[in-house]
């Protein structure tokens, strides 16, 4: 693929991936080979991993990330989860975010969670 048209990647043997962390890209490659994702990677990079899985159309990895994000919504990550919904429209995650907000609205409104919401 990169051998045609004298591409720089073919000449220097490197491909630069600039839109995600090394940890996430490595985790995605490992997922291709093993079918598994390290729980610590999910804990620390769920949204970013979902983003690159979406970019490269790795549906099963998107589903794993979405399920993890749904099961681990709290006040500290709700804004990140909602941002993911805004960008990629994962239906189940959207439903989970709405449910979390409805179930925890008093706690959420009293916390610093509202700081991440833009007013339009």
C-alpha atoms as a PDB file:
ATOM      1  CA  UNK A   1       0.000   0.000   0.000  1.00  0.00           C
ATOM      2  CA  UNK A   2       2.696   2.517   0.982  1.00  0.00           C
ATOM      3  CA  UNK A   3       5.166   1.306  -1.626  1.00  0.00           C
ATOM      4  CA  UNK A   4       3.490   3.143  -4.485  1.00  0.00           C
ATOM      5  CA  UNK A   5       4.111   6.686  -5.666  1.00  0.00           C
ATOM      6  CA  UNK A   6       7.297   7.123  -3.626  1.00  0.00           C
ATOM      7  CA  UNK A   7       5.444   7.740  -0.392  1.00  0.00           C
ATOM      8  CA  UNK A   8       7.551   8.960   2.517  1.00  0.00           C
ATOM      9  CA  UNK A   9       6.266   6.074   4.650  1.00  0.00           C
ATOM     10  CA  UNK A  10       7.720   3.594   2.151  1.00  0.00           C
ATOM     11  CA  UNK A  11      11.023   5.436   2.039  1.00  0.00           C
ATOM     12  CA  UNK A  12      11.637   5.714   5.779  1.00  0.00           C
ATOM     13  CA  UNK A  13       9.670   2.652   6.957  1.00  0.00           C
ATOM     14  CA  UNK A  14       7.574   4.647   9.432  1.00  0.00           C
ATOM     15  CA  UNK A  15       3.955   5.678   9.605  1.00  0.00           C
ATOM     16  CA  UNK A  16       3.129   8.601  11.867  1.00  0.00           C
ATOM     17  CA  UNK A  17      -0.143   8.410  13.764  1.00  0.00           C
ATOM     18  CA  UNK A  18      -0.682  11.860  15.234  1.00  0.00           C
ATOM     19  CA  UNK A  19      -4.286  11.813  16.413  1.00  0.00           C
ATOM     20  CA  UNK A  20      -4.028   9.392  19.334  1.00  0.00           C
ATOM     21  CA  UNK A  21      -1.662   8.334  22.070  1.00  0.00           C
ATOM     22  CA  UNK A  22       0.863   5.570  21.609  1.00  0.00           C
ATOM     23  CA  UNK A  23      -0.879   3.594  24.371  1.00  0.00           C
ATOM     24  CA  UNK A  24      -4.225   3.631  22.561  1.00  0.00           C
ATOM     25  CA  UNK A  25      -2.837   2.748  19.171  1.00  0.00           C
ATOM     26  CA  UNK A  26      -0.770  -0.070  20.679  1.00  0.00           C
ATOM     27  CA  UNK A  27      -3.876  -1.324  22.516  1.00  0.00           C
ATOM     28  CA  UNK A  28      -5.827  -1.356  19.260  1.00  0.00           C
ATOM     29  CA  UNK A  29      -3.080  -3.320  17.491  1.00  0.00           C
ATOM     30  CA  UNK A  30      -2.937  -5.777  20.399  1.00  0.00           C
ATOM     31  CA  UNK A  31      -6.726  -6.096  20.165  1.00  0.00           C
ATOM     32  CA  UNK A  32      -6.390  -7.079  16.494  1.00  0.00           C
ATOM     33  CA  UNK A  33      -4.143  -9.976  17.503  1.00  0.00           C
ATOM     34  CA  UNK A  34      -5.687 -11.084  20.798  1.00  0.00           C
ATOM     35  CA  UNK A  35      -9.283  -9.901  20.712  1.00  0.00           C
ATOM     36  CA  UNK A  36      -8.791  -8.463  24.211  1.00  0.00           C
ATOM     37  CA  UNK A  37      -8.222  -5.043  25.750  1.00  0.00           C
ATOM     38  CA  UNK A  38      -6.370  -4.441  29.000  1.00  0.00           C
ATOM     39  CA  UNK A  39      -8.779  -3.134  31.677  1.00  0.00           C
ATOM     40  CA  UNK A  40      -6.303  -0.417  32.713  1.00  0.00           C
ATOM     41  CA  UNK A  41      -6.252   0.897  29.146  1.00  0.00           C
ATOM     42  CA  UNK A  42     -10.050   1.044  29.168  1.00  0.00           C
ATOM     43  CA  UNK A  43     -10.039   2.746  32.557  1.00  0.00           C
ATOM     44  CA  UNK A  44      -7.582   5.437  31.472  1.00  0.00           C
ATOM     45  CA  UNK A  45      -8.321   5.831  27.750  1.00  0.00           C
ATOM     46  CA  UNK A  46     -11.891   4.644  27.050  1.00  0.00           C
ATOM     47  CA  UNK A  47     -12.983   7.745  25.129  1.00  0.00           C
ATOM     48  CA  UNK A  48      -9.765   8.009  23.125  1.00  0.00           C
ATOM     49  CA  UNK A  49      -9.816   4.308  22.306  1.00  0.00           C
ATOM     50  CA  UNK A  50     -13.456   4.597  21.222  1.00  0.00           C
ATOM     51  CA  UNK A  51     -12.450   7.520  18.993  1.00  0.00           C
ATOM     52  CA  UNK A  52      -9.718   5.633  17.130  1.00  0.00           C
ATOM     53  CA  UNK A  53     -11.879   2.507  16.911  1.00  0.00           C
ATOM     54  CA  UNK A  54     -14.514   4.714  15.285  1.00  0.00           C
ATOM     55  CA  UNK A  55     -11.964   6.257  12.927  1.00  0.00           C
ATOM     56  CA  UNK A  56     -10.691   2.872  11.770  1.00  0.00           C
ATOM     57  CA  UNK A  57     -14.177   1.288  11.868  1.00  0.00           C
ATOM     58  CA  UNK A  58     -13.319  -1.387  14.414  1.00  0.00           C
ATOM     59  CA  UNK A  59     -16.924  -2.035  15.432  1.00  0.00           C
ATOM     60  CA  UNK A  60     -16.241  -4.725  18.034  1.00  0.00           C
ATOM     61  CA  UNK A  61     -13.712  -2.491  19.805  1.00  0.00           C
ATOM     62  CA  UNK A  62     -16.191   0.391  19.721  1.00  0.00           C
ATOM     63  CA  UNK A  63     -18.753  -1.880  21.381  1.00  0.00           C
ATOM     64  CA  UNK A  64     -16.285  -2.902  24.098  1.00  0.00           C
ATOM     65  CA  UNK A  65     -15.401   0.729  24.812  1.00  0.00           C
ATOM     66  CA  UNK A  66     -19.040   1.822  24.796  1.00  0.00           C
ATOM     67  CA  UNK A  67     -20.018  -0.949  27.213  1.00  0.00           C
ATOM     68  CA  UNK A  68     -17.144  -0.017  29.528  1.00  0.00           C
ATOM     69  CA  UNK A  69     -18.090   3.670  29.431  1.00  0.00           C
ATOM     70  CA  UNK A  70     -21.731   2.826  30.204  1.00  0.00           C
ATOM     71  CA  UNK A  71     -20.835   0.638  33.174  1.00  0.00           C
ATOM     72  CA  UNK A  72     -18.449   3.243  34.606  1.00  0.00           C
ATOM     73  CA  UNK A  73     -20.275   6.576  34.344  1.00  0.00           C
ATOM     74  CA  UNK A  74     -19.791   8.877  37.318  1.00  0.00           C
ATOM     75  CA  UNK A  75     -19.521  12.609  38.057  1.00  0.00           C
ATOM     76  CA  UNK A  76     -15.826  12.667  37.190  1.00  0.00           C
ATOM     77  CA  UNK A  77     -16.255  11.373  33.631  1.00  0.00           C
ATOM     78  CA  UNK A  78     -19.825  12.257  32.649  1.00  0.00           C
ATOM     79  CA  UNK A  79     -18.759  15.289  30.606  1.00  0.00           C
ATOM     80  CA  UNK A  80     -16.228  13.186  28.660  1.00  0.00           C
ATOM     81  CA  UNK A  81     -18.894  10.567  28.017  1.00  0.00           C
ATOM     82  CA  UNK A  82     -21.365  13.225  26.823  1.00  0.00           C
ATOM     83  CA  UNK A  83     -18.692  14.692  24.547  1.00  0.00           C
ATOM     84  CA  UNK A  84     -18.166  11.237  23.058  1.00  0.00           C
ATOM     85  CA  UNK A  85     -21.935  11.023  22.445  1.00  0.00           C
ATOM     86  CA  UNK A  86     -21.873  14.434  20.765  1.00  0.00           C
ATOM     87  CA  UNK A  87     -19.022  13.457  18.427  1.00  0.00           C
ATOM     88  CA  UNK A  88     -19.875   9.853  17.539  1.00  0.00           C
ATOM     89  CA  UNK A  89     -23.533   9.301  18.474  1.00  0.00           C
ATOM     90  CA  UNK A  90     -23.259   5.936  20.266  1.00  0.00           C
ATOM     91  CA  UNK A  91     -26.928   5.342  21.086  1.00  0.00           C
ATOM     92  CA  UNK A  92     -26.534   3.128  24.149  1.00  0.00           C
ATOM     93  CA  UNK A  93     -24.008   5.499  25.720  1.00  0.00           C
ATOM     94  CA  UNK A  94     -26.321   8.434  25.067  1.00  0.00           C
ATOM     95  CA  UNK A  95     -29.180   6.621  26.809  1.00  0.00           C
ATOM     96  CA  UNK A  96     -26.897   5.774  29.744  1.00  0.00           C
ATOM     97  CA  UNK A  97     -25.736   9.393  30.083  1.00  0.00           C
ATOM     98  CA  UNK A  98     -29.313  10.671  30.080  1.00  0.00           C
ATOM     99  CA  UNK A  99     -30.296   8.065  32.664  1.00  0.00           C
ATOM    100  CA  UNK A 100     -27.299   8.952  34.841  1.00  0.00           C
ATOM    101  CA  UNK A 101     -28.150  12.654  34.701  1.00  0.00           C
ATOM    102  CA  UNK A 102     -31.807  11.981  35.540  1.00  0.00           C
ATOM    103  CA  UNK A 103     -30.941   9.617  38.386  1.00  0.00           C
ATOM    104  CA  UNK A 104     -28.229  11.879  39.839  1.00  0.00           C
ATOM    105  CA  UNK A 105     -29.279  15.393  38.848  1.00  0.00           C
ATOM    106  CA  UNK A 106     -29.110  16.860  42.365  1.00  0.00           C
ATOM    107  CA  UNK A 107     -25.666  15.432  43.066  1.00  0.00           C
ATOM    108  CA  UNK A 108     -24.431  16.366  39.608  1.00  0.00           C
ATOM    109  CA  UNK A 109     -25.710  19.950  39.786  1.00  0.00           C
ATOM    110  CA  UNK A 110     -24.097  20.448  43.194  1.00  0.00           C
ATOM    111  CA  UNK A 111     -20.755  19.042  42.031  1.00  0.00           C
ATOM    112  CA  UNK A 112     -18.186  20.598  39.745  1.00  0.00           C
ATOM    113  CA  UNK A 113     -19.500  18.455  36.894  1.00  0.00           C
ATOM    114  CA  UNK A 114     -21.353  21.374  35.353  1.00  0.00           C
ATOM    115  CA  UNK A 115     -18.087  23.231  34.691  1.00  0.00           C
ATOM    116  CA  UNK A 116     -17.438  21.234  31.518  1.00  0.00           C
ATOM    117  CA  UNK A 117     -20.740  22.135  29.880  1.00  0.00           C
ATOM    118  CA  UNK A 118     -20.659  24.913  27.294  1.00  0.00           C
ATOM    119  CA  UNK A 119     -23.506  27.377  27.161  1.00  0.00           C
ATOM    120  CA  UNK A 120     -24.771  28.023  23.670  1.00  0.00           C
END
